[in-house]
Amino acid sequence: MGGGRIVSHGKIADLSKGFKLPSGNPFSVYVRPKYSVSTLDTVLTVRCSQDESLTEAPVPFNDWSPLAISEIAPNSELLKTNDVYWGSGSYEGEDTP
C-alpha cells in the first residue's frame, strides 16, 4: 500500500466471518453498489494497519478507499446491495479468498 499501486486483487464473496488477507498485508477496498444510490459513501467497521481495534470508517462508493485496511468486521448486509473488491500493494497467492 505504501507504493501506491495495487498489484493483486480479488472480489470479496463472503463477509459472514469478516475479511482479512491470509498474509496479514493491508489492503484497500472498492465498493460498487448493485443498484442506484444517492449517497457518496458507506460506513464499514474496519481495523486499519496501525489500529489496535475495529472502528467505523467511511468508505467511498465507486472508488478505491485510501484506507490501509487490515481487517473488515463481519457484515451480513453489505454484500446484498454492493459488490466489494480488495486490492493490495503486495502480492497475494492464488489461495487468497
Protein backbone atom coordinates (compact mmCIF):
# COMPACT_ATOMS: atom_id res chain seq x y z
CA MET A 1 0.00 0.00 0.00
CA GLY A 2 2.91 2.31 0.62
CA GLY A 3 3.92 2.19 -3.04
CA GLY A 4 0.55 3.48 -4.15
CA ARG A 5 -0.11 0.70 -6.67
CA ILE A 6 -2.42 -2.28 -6.42
CA VAL A 7 -0.53 -5.39 -7.54
CA SER A 8 -3.03 -8.08 -6.52
CA HIS A 9 -6.79 -8.01 -6.06
CA GLY A 10 -9.95 -10.04 -5.79
CA LYS A 11 -13.66 -9.97 -5.06
CA ILE A 12 -14.94 -10.49 -1.52
CA ALA A 13 -17.66 -13.14 -1.77
CA ASP A 14 -18.46 -13.63 1.91
CA LEU A 15 -18.31 -11.29 4.89
CA SER A 16 -20.14 -13.51 7.38
CA LYS A 17 -16.87 -14.08 9.26
CA GLY A 18 -15.25 -10.80 8.28
CA PHE A 19 -12.33 -10.49 5.89
CA LYS A 20 -8.56 -10.19 6.05
CA LEU A 21 -5.78 -11.34 3.77
CA PRO A 22 -4.05 -14.57 4.86
CA SER A 23 -0.70 -12.76 4.71
CA GLY A 24 -1.91 -10.01 7.03
CA ASN A 25 -0.95 -7.39 4.43
CA PRO A 26 -3.01 -4.19 4.36
CA PHE A 27 -5.46 -3.68 1.52
CA SER A 28 -7.88 -1.17 0.08
CA VAL A 29 -11.49 -1.78 -0.90
CA TYR A 30 -13.63 -0.74 -3.83
CA VAL A 31 -17.35 -0.76 -3.02
CA ARG A 32 -19.60 -0.84 -6.09
CA PRO A 33 -23.34 -0.53 -5.45
CA LYS A 34 -25.50 -3.08 -7.27
CA TYR A 35 -28.30 -0.51 -7.55
CA SER A 36 -28.52 3.25 -7.97
CA VAL A 37 -27.61 5.19 -4.82
CA SER A 38 -27.86 8.86 -3.92
CA THR A 39 -25.18 8.75 -1.21
CA LEU A 40 -21.43 9.10 -1.73
CA ASP A 41 -20.21 6.53 0.74
CA THR A 42 -20.96 3.82 3.25
CA VAL A 43 -19.57 3.08 6.71
CA LEU A 44 -17.65 -0.13 7.37
CA THR A 45 -16.23 -1.42 10.60
CA VAL A 46 -12.54 -1.96 9.89
CA ARG A 47 -9.14 -2.19 11.51
CA CYS A 48 -6.50 -0.14 9.71
CA SER A 49 -2.89 -1.30 9.67
CA GLN A 50 -1.91 0.89 12.65
CA ASP A 51 -5.12 0.49 14.68
CA GLU A 52 -5.46 -1.64 17.80
CA SER A 53 -9.15 -2.40 17.30
CA LEU A 54 -12.01 -2.33 14.82
CA THR A 55 -13.77 1.02 14.39
CA GLU A 56 -16.21 2.58 11.94
CA ALA A 57 -14.76 4.37 8.90
CA PRO A 58 -16.38 5.93 5.82
CA VAL A 59 -15.61 4.21 2.51
CA PRO A 60 -16.47 5.91 -0.80
CA PHE A 61 -18.62 4.23 -3.44
CA ASN A 62 -17.13 3.60 -6.89
CA ASP A 63 -13.52 4.41 -5.94
CA TRP A 64 -10.64 2.75 -4.13
CA SER A 65 -10.58 3.75 -0.48
CA PRO A 66 -7.39 5.46 0.76
CA LEU A 67 -7.58 3.37 3.96
CA ALA A 68 -4.86 0.77 4.57
CA ILE A 69 -7.22 -1.88 5.97
CA SER A 70 -6.02 -4.97 7.82
CA GLU A 71 -9.44 -6.43 8.62
CA ILE A 72 -13.13 -5.92 7.89
CA ALA A 73 -15.59 -6.91 10.61
CA PRO A 74 -18.34 -9.44 9.85
CA ASN A 75 -21.17 -7.80 7.93
CA SER A 76 -24.21 -9.74 6.77
CA GLU A 77 -25.84 -6.84 4.87
CA LEU A 78 -23.13 -5.16 2.77
CA LEU A 79 -22.87 -7.78 0.01
CA LYS A 80 -26.64 -7.87 -0.52
CA THR A 81 -26.54 -4.42 -2.11
CA ASN A 82 -22.86 -3.99 -3.07
CA ASP A 83 -20.00 -5.78 -4.76
CA VAL A 84 -16.80 -5.37 -2.75
CA TYR A 85 -13.29 -5.84 -4.13
CA TRP A 86 -9.97 -5.86 -2.29
CA GLY A 87 -6.67 -4.60 -3.68
CA SER A 88 -3.21 -4.84 -2.13
CA GLY A 89 0.18 -3.31 -2.82
CA SER A 90 1.73 -6.71 -2.02
CA TYR A 91 1.49 -9.98 -3.89
CA GLU A 92 -1.13 -12.40 -2.55
CA GLY A 93 -1.08 -16.08 -3.52
CA GLU A 94 -3.62 -17.99 -5.59
CA ASP A 95 -5.48 -19.21 -2.50
CA THR A 96 -6.49 -15.72 -1.33
CA PRO A 97 -10.27 -15.58 -0.75
